[in-house]
């Protein structure tokens, strides 16, 4: 018998081409988001911002950030403690802040307030 060959069931569709202006605008927006998140992490580390407020009412630029990464910016929270908290709250480490359900948000905030 010949080896099985994989044939795509759907034709491959390329993403639409973007103009130079569209690419530059997307790059500018991505850089603004990265800069804002970096400042937010510095504020969390310095205690100028509360992780509780951030989780309950996240700004738009943070909604696609990973919960794991934001918790790492909180003082006294390292990888082990963050993984433990997320596991107790039944939250995947790859979950984004915008992707949290209301149950996960409230459970995570109550866990962090202990």
PDB file of N, CA and C in Angstrom:
ATOM      1  N   UNK A   1       0.830  -1.185   0.000  1.00  0.00           N
ATOM      2  CA  UNK A   1       0.000   0.000   0.000  1.00  0.00           C
ATOM      3  C   UNK A   1       0.874   1.248   0.000  1.00  0.00           C
ATOM      4  N   UNK A   2       0.515   2.243  -0.782  1.00  0.00           N
ATOM      5  CA  UNK A   2       1.303   3.484  -0.784  1.00  0.00           C
ATOM      6  C   UNK A   2       1.053   4.265   0.497  1.00  0.00           C
ATOM      7  N   UNK A   3       2.027   5.072   0.899  1.00  0.00           N
ATOM      8  CA  UNK A   3       1.824   5.878   2.125  1.00  0.00           C
ATOM      9  C   UNK A   3       0.679   6.867   1.917  1.00  0.00           C
ATOM     10  N   UNK A   4      -0.020   7.115   3.002  1.00  0.00           N
ATOM     11  CA  UNK A   4      -1.164   8.037   2.944  1.00  0.00           C
ATOM     12  C   UNK A   4      -0.668   9.453   2.675  1.00  0.00           C
ATOM     13  N   UNK A   5      -1.308  10.107   1.763  1.00  0.00           N
ATOM     14  CA  UNK A   5      -0.968  11.503   1.492  1.00  0.00           C
ATOM     15  C   UNK A   5      -2.051  12.377   2.060  1.00  0.00           C
ATOM     16  N   UNK A   6      -1.626  13.475   2.607  1.00  0.00           N
ATOM     17  CA  UNK A   6      -2.583  14.392   3.217  1.00  0.00           C
ATOM     18  C   UNK A   6      -3.051  15.383   2.164  1.00  0.00           C
ATOM     19  N   UNK A   7      -4.329  15.404   1.912  1.00  0.00           N
ATOM     20  CA  UNK A   7      -4.886  16.382   0.987  1.00  0.00           C
ATOM     21  C   UNK A   7      -5.752  17.336   1.774  1.00  0.00           C
ATOM     22  N   UNK A   8      -5.552  18.626   1.589  1.00  0.00           N
ATOM     23  CA  UNK A   8      -6.379  19.580   2.339  1.00  0.00           C
ATOM     24  C   UNK A   8      -7.827  19.472   1.907  1.00  0.00           C
ATOM     25  N   UNK A   9      -8.707  19.473   2.912  1.00  0.00           N
ATOM     26  CA  UNK A   9     -10.138  19.381   2.616  1.00  0.00           C
ATOM     27  C   UNK A   9     -10.698  20.713   2.145  1.00  0.00           C
ATOM     28  N   UNK A  10     -10.055  21.797   2.551  1.00  0.00           N
ATOM     29  CA  UNK A  10     -10.493  23.135   2.141  1.00  0.00           C
ATOM     30  C   UNK A  10      -9.350  23.803   1.387  1.00  0.00           C
ATOM     31  N   UNK A  11      -9.653  24.582   0.391  1.00  0.00           N
ATOM     32  CA  UNK A  11      -8.570  25.284  -0.299  1.00  0.00           C
ATOM     33  C   UNK A  11      -7.951  26.327   0.628  1.00  0.00           C
ATOM     34  N   UNK A  12      -6.647  26.486   0.525  1.00  0.00           N
ATOM     35  CA  UNK A  12      -5.949  27.460   1.363  1.00  0.00           C
ATOM     36  C   UNK A  12      -6.254  28.867   0.869  1.00  0.00           C
ATOM     37  N   UNK A  13      -6.641  29.719   1.783  1.00  0.00           N
ATOM     38  CA  UNK A  13      -6.981  31.097   1.440  1.00  0.00           C
ATOM     39  C   UNK A  13      -5.967  32.004   2.122  1.00  0.00           C
ATOM     40  N   UNK A  14      -5.300  32.810   1.349  1.00  0.00           N
ATOM     41  CA  UNK A  14      -4.311  33.730   1.899  1.00  0.00           C
ATOM     42  C   UNK A  14      -5.008  34.923   2.545  1.00  0.00           C
ATOM     43  N   UNK A  15      -4.357  35.470   3.529  1.00  0.00           N
ATOM     44  CA  UNK A  15      -4.892  36.669   4.179  1.00  0.00           C
ATOM     45  C   UNK A  15      -4.874  37.812   3.164  1.00  0.00           C
ATOM     46  N   UNK A  16      -5.829  38.706   3.259  1.00  0.00           N
ATOM     47  CA  UNK A  16      -5.848  39.818   2.304  1.00  0.00           C
ATOM     48  C   UNK A  16      -4.598  40.677   2.453  1.00  0.00           C
ATOM     49  N   UNK A  17      -4.114  41.156   1.353  1.00  0.00           N
ATOM     50  CA  UNK A  17      -2.941  42.026   1.364  1.00  0.00           C
ATOM     51  C   UNK A  17      -3.290  43.336   2.056  1.00  0.00           C
ATOM     52  N   UNK A  18      -2.331  43.849   2.815  1.00  0.00           N
ATOM     53  CA  UNK A  18      -2.539  45.133   3.487  1.00  0.00           C
ATOM     54  C   UNK A  18      -1.673  46.182   2.814  1.00  0.00           C
ATOM     55  N   UNK A  19      -2.193  47.365   2.784  1.00  0.00           N
ATOM     56  CA  UNK A  19      -1.421  48.464   2.204  1.00  0.00           C
ATOM     57  C   UNK A  19      -0.337  48.876   3.199  1.00  0.00           C
ATOM     58  N   UNK A  20       0.602  49.639   2.732  1.00  0.00           N
ATOM     59  CA  UNK A  20       1.678  50.120   3.598  1.00  0.00           C
ATOM     60  C   UNK A  20       1.105  50.942   4.749  1.00  0.00           C
ATOM     61  N   UNK A  21       0.112  51.777   4.462  1.00  0.00           N
ATOM     62  CA  UNK A  21      -0.515  52.590   5.516  1.00  0.00           C
ATOM     63  C   UNK A  21      -1.170  51.715   6.578  1.00  0.00           C
ATOM     64  N   UNK A  22      -1.851  50.652   6.149  1.00  0.00           N
ATOM     65  CA  UNK A  22      -2.512  49.758   7.104  1.00  0.00           C
ATOM     66  C   UNK A  22      -1.476  49.045   7.967  1.00  0.00           C
ATOM     67  N   UNK A  23      -0.387  48.592   7.350  1.00  0.00           N
ATOM     68  CA  UNK A  23       0.664  47.908   8.118  1.00  0.00           C
ATOM     69  C   UNK A  23       1.322  48.860   9.105  1.00  0.00           C
ATOM     70  N   UNK A  24       1.575  50.081   8.682  1.00  0.00           N
ATOM     71  CA  UNK A  24       2.205  51.055   9.574  1.00  0.00           C
ATOM     72  C   UNK A  24       1.279  51.430  10.726  1.00  0.00           C
ATOM     73  N   UNK A  25      -0.011  51.538  10.457  1.00  0.00           N
ATOM     74  CA  UNK A  25      -0.984  51.840  11.511  1.00  0.00           C
ATOM     75  C   UNK A  25      -1.055  50.694  12.522  1.00  0.00           C
ATOM     76  N   UNK A  26      -1.043  49.447  12.032  1.00  0.00           N
ATOM     77  CA  UNK A  26      -1.074  48.286  12.924  1.00  0.00           C
ATOM     78  C   UNK A  26       0.197  48.236  13.774  1.00  0.00           C
ATOM     79  N   UNK A  27       1.329  48.541  13.173  1.00  0.00           N
ATOM     80  CA  UNK A  27       2.588  48.556  13.905  1.00  0.00           C
ATOM     81  C   UNK A  27       2.581  49.640  14.978  1.00  0.00           C
ATOM     82  N   UNK A  28       2.071  50.806  14.635  1.00  0.00           N
ATOM     83  CA  UNK A  28       1.991  51.914  15.593  1.00  0.00           C
ATOM     84  C   UNK A  28       1.104  51.541  16.777  1.00  0.00           C
ATOM     85  N   UNK A  29      -0.047  50.933  16.482  1.00  0.00           N
ATOM     86  CA  UNK A  29      -0.974  50.522  17.544  1.00  0.00           C
ATOM     87  C   UNK A  29      -0.331  49.458  18.442  1.00  0.00           C
ATOM     88  N   UNK A  30       0.343  48.481  17.839  1.00  0.00           N
ATOM     89  CA  UNK A  30       1.002  47.425  18.616  1.00  0.00           C
ATOM     90  C   UNK A  30       2.078  48.018  19.536  1.00  0.00           C
ATOM     91  N   UNK A  31       2.823  48.971  19.036  1.00  0.00           N
ATOM     92  CA  UNK A  31       3.857  49.611  19.856  1.00  0.00           C
ATOM     93  C   UNK A  31       3.256  50.401  21.006  1.00  0.00           C
ATOM     94  N   UNK A  32       2.144  51.080  20.749  1.00  0.00           N
ATOM     95  CA  UNK A  32       1.466  51.826  21.818  1.00  0.00           C
ATOM     96  C   UNK A  32       0.973  50.876  22.913  1.00  0.00           C
ATOM     97  N   UNK A  33       0.418  49.740  22.492  1.00  0.00           N
ATOM     98  CA  UNK A  33      -0.084  48.756  23.459  1.00  0.00           C
ATOM     99  C   UNK A  33       1.069  48.196  24.279  1.00  0.00           C
ATOM    100  N   UNK A  34       2.189  47.850  23.628  1.00  0.00           N
ATOM    101  CA  UNK A  34       3.343  47.320  24.346  1.00  0.00           C
ATOM    102  C   UNK A  34       3.882  48.329  25.362  1.00  0.00           C
ATOM    103  N   UNK A  35       3.947  49.587  24.955  1.00  0.00           N
ATOM    104  CA  UNK A  35       4.441  50.635  25.850  1.00  0.00           C
ATOM    105  C   UNK A  35       3.509  50.816  27.050  1.00  0.00           C
ATOM    106  N   UNK A  36       2.212  50.823  26.793  1.00  0.00           N
ATOM    107  CA  UNK A  36       1.232  50.983  27.878  1.00  0.00           C
ATOM    108  C   UNK A  36       1.291  49.805  28.847  1.00  0.00           C
ATOM    109  N   UNK A  37       1.438  48.584  28.310  1.00  0.00           N
ATOM    110  CA  UNK A  37       1.526  47.404  29.184  1.00  0.00           C
ATOM    111  C   UNK A  37       2.804  47.423  30.010  1.00  0.00           C
ATOM    112  N   UNK A  38       3.904  47.835  29.415  1.00  0.00           N
ATOM    113  CA  UNK A  38       5.161  47.910  30.154  1.00  0.00           C
ATOM    114  C   UNK A  38       5.043  48.902  31.308  1.00  0.00           C
ATOM    115  N   UNK A  39       4.414  50.049  31.054  1.00  0.00           N
ATOM    116  CA  UNK A  39       4.209  51.038  32.115  1.00  0.00           C
ATOM    117  C   UNK A  39       3.291  50.472  33.200  1.00  0.00           C
ATOM    118  N   UNK A  40       2.252  49.762  32.791  1.00  0.00           N
ATOM    119  CA  UNK A  40       1.333  49.152  33.748  1.00  0.00           C
ATOM    120  C   UNK A  40       2.065  48.146  34.636  1.00  0.00           C
ATOM    121  N   UNK A  41       2.932  47.337  34.052  1.00  0.00           N
ATOM    122  CA  UNK A  41       3.699  46.362  34.843  1.00  0.00           C
ATOM    123  C   UNK A  41       4.615  47.075  35.834  1.00  0.00           C
ATOM    124  N   UNK A  42       5.228  48.167  35.406  1.00  0.00           N
ATOM    125  CA  UNK A  42       6.073  48.940  36.330  1.00  0.00           C
ATOM    126  C   UNK A  42       5.233  49.507  37.475  1.00  0.00           C
ATOM    127  N   UNK A  43       4.027  49.996  37.150  1.00  0.00           N
ATOM    128  CA  UNK A  43       3.130  50.538  38.175  1.00  0.00           C
ATOM    129  C   UNK A  43       2.674  49.446  39.142  1.00  0.00           C
ATOM    130  N   UNK A  44       2.393  48.262  38.626  1.00  0.00           N
ATOM    131  CA  UNK A  44       2.007  47.142  39.498  1.00  0.00           C
ATOM    132  C   UNK A  44       3.153  46.794  40.439  1.00  0.00           C
ATOM    133  N   UNK A  45       4.347  46.702  39.900  1.00  0.00           N
ATOM    134  CA  UNK A  45       5.512  46.342  40.700  1.00  0.00           C
ATOM    135  C   UNK A  45       5.795  47.385  41.782  1.00  0.00           C
ATOM    136  N   UNK A  46       5.576  48.660  41.453  1.00  0.00           N
ATOM    137  CA  UNK A  46       5.833  49.737  42.411  1.00  0.00           C
ATOM    138  C   UNK A  46       4.672  49.955  43.373  1.00  0.00           C
ATOM    139  N   UNK A  47       3.530  49.306  43.148  1.00  0.00           N
ATOM    140  CA  UNK A  47       2.381  49.470  44.028  1.00  0.00           C
ATOM    141  C   UNK A  47       1.511  50.669  43.693  1.00  0.00           C
ATOM    142  N   UNK A  48       1.750  51.306  42.541  1.00  0.00           N
ATOM    143  CA  UNK A  48       0.935  52.458  42.149  1.00  0.00           C
ATOM    144  C   UNK A  48      -0.407  52.042  41.565  1.00  0.00           C
ATOM    145  N   UNK A  49      -0.512  50.803  41.101  1.00  0.00           N
ATOM    146  CA  UNK A  49      -1.770  50.273  40.560  1.00  0.00           C
ATOM    147  C   UNK A  49      -2.114  48.989  41.307  1.00  0.00           C
ATOM    148  N   UNK A  50      -3.393  48.727  41.429  1.00  0.00           N
ATOM    149  CA  UNK A  50      -3.864  47.533  42.118  1.00  0.00           C
ATOM    150  C   UNK A  50      -4.239  46.457  41.104  1.00  0.00           C
ATOM    151  N   UNK A  51      -3.761  45.240  41.342  1.00  0.00           N
ATOM    152  CA  UNK A  51      -4.099  44.127  40.445  1.00  0.00           C
ATOM    153  C   UNK A  51      -5.592  43.832  40.519  1.00  0.00           C
ATOM    154  N   UNK A  52      -6.205  44.107  41.684  1.00  0.00           N
ATOM    155  CA  UNK A  52      -7.642  43.849  41.855  1.00  0.00           C
ATOM    156  C   UNK A  52      -8.459  44.721  40.910  1.00  0.00           C
ATOM    157  N   UNK A  53      -8.145  46.010  40.883  1.00  0.00           N
ATOM    158  CA  UNK A  53      -8.864  46.929  39.988  1.00  0.00           C
ATOM    159  C   UNK A  53      -8.617  46.567  38.529  1.00  0.00           C
ATOM    160  N   UNK A  54      -7.390  46.181  38.234  1.00  0.00           N
ATOM    161  CA  UNK A  54      -7.030  45.813  36.866  1.00  0.00           C
ATOM    162  C   UNK A  54      -7.835  44.612  36.385  1.00  0.00           C
ATOM    163  N   UNK A  55      -8.011  43.625  37.260  1.00  0.00           N
ATOM    164  CA  UNK A  55      -8.756  42.421  36.873  1.00  0.00           C
ATOM    165  C   UNK A  55     -10.254  42.679  36.784  1.00  0.00           C
ATOM    166  N   UNK A  56     -10.773  43.505  37.678  1.00  0.00           N
ATOM    167  CA  UNK A  56     -12.216  43.755  37.688  1.00  0.00           C
ATOM    168  C   UNK A  56     -12.651  44.705  36.577  1.00  0.00           C
ATOM    169  N   UNK A  57     -11.830  45.711  36.281  1.00  0.00           N
ATOM    170  CA  UNK A  57     -12.156  46.675  35.223  1.00  0.00           C
ATOM    171  C   UNK A  57     -10.913  46.909  34.361  1.00  0.00           C
ATOM    172  N   UNK A  58     -10.598  45.951  33.469  1.00  0.00           N
ATOM    173  CA  UNK A  58      -9.368  46.084  32.678  1.00  0.00           C
ATOM    174  C   UNK A  58      -9.494  47.122  31.571  1.00  0.00           C
ATOM    175  N   UNK A  59      -8.444  47.943  31.384  1.00  0.00           N
ATOM    176  CA  UNK A  59      -8.444  48.856  30.245  1.00  0.00           C
ATOM    177  C   UNK A  59      -8.354  48.044  28.948  1.00  0.00           C
ATOM    178  N   UNK A  60      -8.732  48.647  27.862  1.00  0.00           N
ATOM    179  CA  UNK A  60      -8.785  47.942  26.576  1.00  0.00           C
ATOM    180  C   UNK A  60      -7.427  47.363  26.176  1.00  0.00           C
ATOM    181  N   UNK A  61      -6.347  48.099  26.414  1.00  0.00           N
ATOM    182  CA  UNK A  61      -5.031  47.645  25.980  1.00  0.00           C
ATOM    183  C   UNK A  61      -4.506  46.439  26.760  1.00  0.00           C
ATOM    184  N   UNK A  62      -5.195  46.074  27.836  1.00  0.00           N
ATOM    185  CA  UNK A  62      -4.749  44.950  28.656  1.00  0.00           C
ATOM    186  C   UNK A  62      -5.580  43.686  28.407  1.00  0.00           C
ATOM    187  N   UNK A  63      -6.683  43.809  27.727  1.00  0.00           N
ATOM    188  CA  UNK A  63      -7.586  42.672  27.563  1.00  0.00           C
ATOM    189  C   UNK A  63      -6.953  41.487  26.842  1.00  0.00           C
ATOM    190  N   UNK A  64      -5.984  41.722  25.965  1.00  0.00           N
ATOM    191  CA  UNK A  64      -5.349  40.612  25.257  1.00  0.00           C
ATOM    192  C   UNK A  64      -4.061  40.146  25.933  1.00  0.00           C
ATOM    193  N   UNK A  65      -3.732  40.720  27.085  1.00  0.00           N
ATOM    194  CA  UNK A  65      -2.543  40.294  27.834  1.00  0.00           C
ATOM    195  C   UNK A  65      -2.863  39.035  28.631  1.00  0.00           C
ATOM    196  N   UNK A  66      -1.866  38.208  28.835  1.00  0.00           N
ATOM    197  CA  UNK A  66      -2.041  36.978  29.613  1.00  0.00           C
ATOM    198  C   UNK A  66      -2.152  37.321  31.101  1.00  0.00           C
ATOM    199  N   UNK A  67      -3.081  36.654  31.785  1.00  0.00           N
ATOM    200  CA  UNK A  67      -3.261  36.846  33.226  1.00  0.00           C
ATOM    201  C   UNK A  67      -1.951  36.493  33.941  1.00  0.00           C
ATOM    202  N   UNK A  68      -1.312  35.411  33.501  1.00  0.00           N
ATOM    203  CA  UNK A  68      -0.056  34.947  34.095  1.00  0.00           C
ATOM    204  C   UNK A  68       0.989  36.066  34.097  1.00  0.00           C
ATOM    205  N   UNK A  69       1.153  36.740  32.953  1.00  0.00           N
ATOM    206  CA  UNK A  69       2.163  37.798  32.837  1.00  0.00           C
ATOM    207  C   UNK A  69       1.853  38.984  33.745  1.00  0.00           C
ATOM    208  N   UNK A  70       0.588  39.345  33.856  1.00  0.00           N
ATOM    209  CA  UNK A  70       0.225  40.474  34.711  1.00  0.00           C
ATOM    210  C   UNK A  70       0.440  40.132  36.189  1.00  0.00           C
ATOM    211  N   UNK A  71       0.118  38.898  36.574  1.00  0.00           N
ATOM    212  CA  UNK A  71       0.314  38.502  37.973  1.00  0.00           C
ATOM    213  C   UNK A  71       1.799  38.449  38.333  1.00  0.00           C
ATOM    214  N   UNK A  72       2.650  38.105  37.368  1.00  0.00           N
ATOM    215  CA  UNK A  72       4.091  38.076  37.637  1.00  0.00           C
ATOM    216  C   UNK A  72       4.637  39.457  37.980  1.00  0.00           C
ATOM    217  N   UNK A  73       3.956  40.499  37.530  1.00  0.00           N
ATOM    218  CA  UNK A  73       4.410  41.866  37.802  1.00  0.00           C
ATOM    219  C   UNK A  73       4.065  42.310  39.223  1.00  0.00           C
ATOM    220  N   UNK A  74       3.214  41.550  39.914  1.00  0.00           N
ATOM    221  CA  UNK A  74       2.809  41.911  41.271  1.00  0.00           C
ATOM    222  C   UNK A  74       3.920  41.492  42.239  1.00  0.00           C
ATOM    223  N   UNK A  75       4.306  42.395  43.154  1.00  0.00           N
ATOM    224  CA  UNK A  75       5.346  42.034  44.122  1.00  0.00           C
ATOM    225  C   UNK A  75       4.977  40.786  44.921  1.00  0.00           C
ATOM    226  N   UNK A  76       5.977  39.976  45.218  1.00  0.00           N
ATOM    227  CA  UNK A  76       5.855  38.736  45.998  1.00  0.00           C
ATOM    228  C   UNK A  76       5.139  37.614  45.244  1.00  0.00           C
ATOM    229  N   UNK A  77       4.938  37.775  43.942  1.00  0.00           N
ATOM    230  CA  UNK A  77       4.326  36.713  43.145  1.00  0.00           C
ATOM    231  C   UNK A  77       5.308  36.270  42.072  1.00  0.00           C
ATOM    232  N   UNK A  78       5.822  35.054  42.261  1.00  0.00           N
ATOM    233  CA  UNK A  78       6.715  34.465  41.273  1.00  0.00           C
ATOM    234  C   UNK A  78       5.971  33.411  40.472  1.00  0.00           C
ATOM    235  N   UNK A  79       6.694  32.697  39.640  1.00  0.00           N
ATOM    236  CA  UNK A  79       6.079  31.696  38.769  1.00  0.00           C
ATOM    237  C   UNK A  79       5.328  30.608  39.544  1.00  0.00           C
ATOM    238  N   UNK A  80       5.923  30.132  40.618  1.00  0.00           N
ATOM    239  CA  UNK A  80       5.308  29.041  41.386  1.00  0.00           C
ATOM    240  C   UNK A  80       4.001  29.496  42.030  1.00  0.00           C
ATOM    241  N   UNK A  81       4.028  30.651  42.687  1.00  0.00           N
ATOM    242  CA  UNK A  81       2.831  31.154  43.365  1.00  0.00           C
ATOM    243  C   UNK A  81       1.734  31.491  42.352  1.00  0.00           C
ATOM    244  N   UNK A  82       2.107  32.099  41.223  1.00  0.00           N
ATOM    245  CA  UNK A  82       1.120  32.451  40.196  1.00  0.00           C
ATOM    246  C   UNK A  82       0.478  31.188  39.638  1.00  0.00           C
ATOM    247  N   UNK A  83       1.296  30.174  39.346  1.00  0.00           N
ATOM    248  CA  UNK A  83       0.739  28.909  38.838  1.00  0.00           C
ATOM    249  C   UNK A  83      -0.206  28.265  39.847  1.00  0.00           C
ATOM    250  N   UNK A  84       0.157  28.327  41.121  1.00  0.00           N
ATOM    251  CA  UNK A  84      -0.681  27.749  42.168  1.00  0.00           C
ATOM    252  C   UNK A  84      -2.025  28.467  42.258  1.00  0.00           C
ATOM    253  N   UNK A  85      -2.002  29.793  42.239  1.00  0.00           N
ATOM    254  CA  UNK A  85      -3.236  30.593  42.321  1.00  0.00           C
ATOM    255  C   UNK A  85      -4.125  30.307  41.113  1.00  0.00           C
ATOM    256  N   UNK A  86      -3.534  30.294  39.926  1.00  0.00           N
ATOM    257  CA  UNK A  86      -4.322  30.037  38.716  1.00  0.00           C
ATOM    258  C   UNK A  86      -4.924  28.637  38.745  1.00  0.00           C
ATOM    259  N   UNK A  87      -4.164  27.669  39.226  1.00  0.00           N
ATOM    260  CA  UNK A  87      -4.662  26.299  39.302  1.00  0.00           C
ATOM    261  C   UNK A  87      -5.821  26.198  40.295  1.00  0.00           C
ATOM    262  N   UNK A  88      -5.703  26.868  41.443  1.00  0.00           N
ATOM    263  CA  UNK A  88      -6.779  26.838  42.431  1.00  0.00           C
ATOM    264  C   UNK A  88      -8.056  27.500  41.900  1.00  0.00           C
ATOM    265  N   UNK A  89      -7.892  28.499  41.040  1.00  0.00           N
ATOM    266  CA  UNK A  89      -9.048  29.195  40.461  1.00  0.00           C
ATOM    267  C   UNK A  89      -9.522  28.550  39.157  1.00  0.00           C
ATOM    268  N   UNK A  90      -8.889  27.467  38.774  1.00  0.00           N
ATOM    269  CA  UNK A  90      -9.230  26.741  37.530  1.00  0.00           C
ATOM    270  C   UNK A  90      -9.116  27.664  36.313  1.00  0.00           C
ATOM    271  N   UNK A  91      -7.975  28.354  36.218  1.00  0.00           N
ATOM    272  CA  UNK A  91      -7.708  29.264  35.105  1.00  0.00           C
ATOM    273  C   UNK A  91      -6.439  28.791  34.396  1.00  0.00           C
ATOM    274  N   UNK A  92      -6.512  28.663  33.096  1.00  0.00           N
ATOM    275  CA  UNK A  92      -5.360  28.254  32.302  1.00  0.00           C
ATOM    276  C   UNK A  92      -4.307  29.361  32.312  1.00  0.00           C
ATOM    277  N   UNK A  93      -3.019  29.002  32.397  1.00  0.00           N
ATOM    278  CA  UNK A  93      -1.965  30.027  32.369  1.00  0.00           C
ATOM    279  C   UNK A  93      -1.940  30.827  31.065  1.00  0.00           C
ATOM    280  N   UNK A  94      -2.530  30.289  30.015  1.00  0.00           N
ATOM    281  CA  UNK A  94      -2.528  31.004  28.733  1.00  0.00           C
ATOM    282  C   UNK A  94      -3.764  31.888  28.556  1.00  0.00           C
ATOM    283  N   UNK A  95      -4.624  31.949  29.556  1.00  0.00           N
ATOM    284  CA  UNK A  95      -5.862  32.747  29.473  1.00  0.00           C
ATOM    285  C   UNK A  95      -5.540  34.234  29.455  1.00  0.00           C
ATOM    286  N   UNK A  96      -6.267  34.968  28.634  1.00  0.00           N
ATOM    287  CA  UNK A  96      -6.084  36.418  28.589  1.00  0.00           C
ATOM    288  C   UNK A  96      -7.017  37.082  29.597  1.00  0.00           C
ATOM    289  N   UNK A  97      -6.706  38.302  29.963  1.00  0.00           N
ATOM    290  CA  UNK A  97      -7.533  39.027  30.927  1.00  0.00           C
ATOM    291  C   UNK A  97      -8.934  39.250  30.363  1.00  0.00           C
ATOM    292  N   UNK A  98      -9.022  39.565  29.092  1.00  0.00           N
ATOM    293  CA  UNK A  98     -10.329  39.765  28.465  1.00  0.00           C
ATOM    294  C   UNK A  98     -11.124  38.478  28.339  1.00  0.00           C
ATOM    295  N   UNK A  99     -10.443  37.335  28.376  1.00  0.00           N
ATOM    296  CA  UNK A  99     -11.103  36.044  28.228  1.00  0.00           C
ATOM    297  C   UNK A  99     -11.595  35.434  29.533  1.00  0.00           C
ATOM    298  N   UNK A 100     -11.359  36.115  30.644  1.00  0.00           N
ATOM    299  CA  UNK A 100     -11.813  35.593  31.943  1.00  0.00           C
ATOM    300  C   UNK A 100     -13.323  35.724  32.073  1.00  0.00           C
ATOM    301  N   UNK A 101     -13.946  34.691  32.624  1.00  0.00           N
ATOM    302  CA  UNK A 101     -15.383  34.784  32.915  1.00  0.00           C
ATOM    303  C   UNK A 101     -15.555  35.581  34.205  1.00  0.00           C
ATOM    304  N   UNK A 102     -16.776  35.984  34.483  1.00  0.00           N
ATOM    305  CA  UNK A 102     -17.037  36.748  35.707  1.00  0.00           C
ATOM    306  C   UNK A 102     -16.693  35.918  36.935  1.00  0.00           C
ATOM    307  N   UNK A 103     -17.004  34.621  36.910  1.00  0.00           N
ATOM    308  CA  UNK A 103     -16.662  33.732  38.023  1.00  0.00           C
ATOM    309  C   UNK A 103     -15.157  33.702  38.240  1.00  0.00           C
ATOM    310  N   UNK A 104     -14.401  33.560  37.149  1.00  0.00           N
ATOM    311  CA  UNK A 104     -12.950  33.503  37.263  1.00  0.00           C
ATOM    312  C   UNK A 104     -12.383  34.814  37.802  1.00  0.00           C
ATOM    313  N   UNK A 105     -12.932  35.922  37.337  1.00  0.00           N
ATOM    314  CA  UNK A 105     -12.464  37.229  37.812  1.00  0.00           C
ATOM    315  C   UNK A 105     -12.648  37.381  39.315  1.00  0.00           C
ATOM    316  N   UNK A 106     -13.875  37.140  39.766  1.00  0.00           N
ATOM    317  CA  UNK A 106     -14.162  37.339  41.193  1.00  0.00           C
ATOM    318  C   UNK A 106     -13.394  36.342  42.059  1.00  0.00           C
ATOM    319  N   UNK A 107     -13.285  35.107  41.598  1.00  0.00           N
ATOM    320  CA  UNK A 107     -12.547  34.097  42.355  1.00  0.00           C
ATOM    321  C   UNK A 107     -11.061  34.450  42.452  1.00  0.00           C
ATOM    322  N   UNK A 108     -10.509  34.922  41.335  1.00  0.00           N
ATOM    323  CA  UNK A 108      -9.095  35.301  41.311  1.00  0.00           C
ATOM    324  C   UNK A 108      -8.831  36.494  42.224  1.00  0.00           C
ATOM    325  N   UNK A 109      -9.694  37.504  42.165  1.00  0.00           N
ATOM    326  CA  UNK A 109      -9.521  38.684  43.010  1.00  0.00           C
ATOM    327  C   UNK A 109      -9.636  38.314  44.480  1.00  0.00           C
ATOM    328  N   UNK A 110     -10.619  37.474  44.832  1.00  0.00           N
ATOM    329  CA  UNK A 110     -10.754  37.077  46.252  1.00  0.00           C
ATOM    330  C   UNK A 110      -9.544  36.257  46.697  1.00  0.00           C
ATOM    331  N   UNK A 111      -8.981  35.449  45.806  1.00  0.00           N
ATOM    332  CA  UNK A 111      -7.805  34.664  46.134  1.00  0.00           C
ATOM    333  C   UNK A 111      -6.587  35.563  46.357  1.00  0.00           C
ATOM    334  N   UNK A 112      -6.457  36.614  45.550  1.00  0.00           N
ATOM    335  CA  UNK A 112      -5.323  37.534  45.664  1.00  0.00           C
ATOM    336  C   UNK A 112      -5.435  38.441  46.880  1.00  0.00           C
ATOM    337  N   UNK A 113      -6.647  38.647  47.389  1.00  0.00           N
ATOM    338  CA  UNK A 113      -6.827  39.519  48.570  1.00  0.00           C
ATOM    339  C   UNK A 113      -6.490  38.818  49.866  1.00  0.00           C
ATOM    340  N   UNK A 114      -6.301  37.523  49.838  1.00  0.00           N
ATOM    341  CA  UNK A 114      -5.983  36.776  51.065  1.00  0.00           C
ATOM    342  C   UNK A 114      -4.600  37.076  51.563  1.00  0.00           C
TER     343      UNK A 114
END
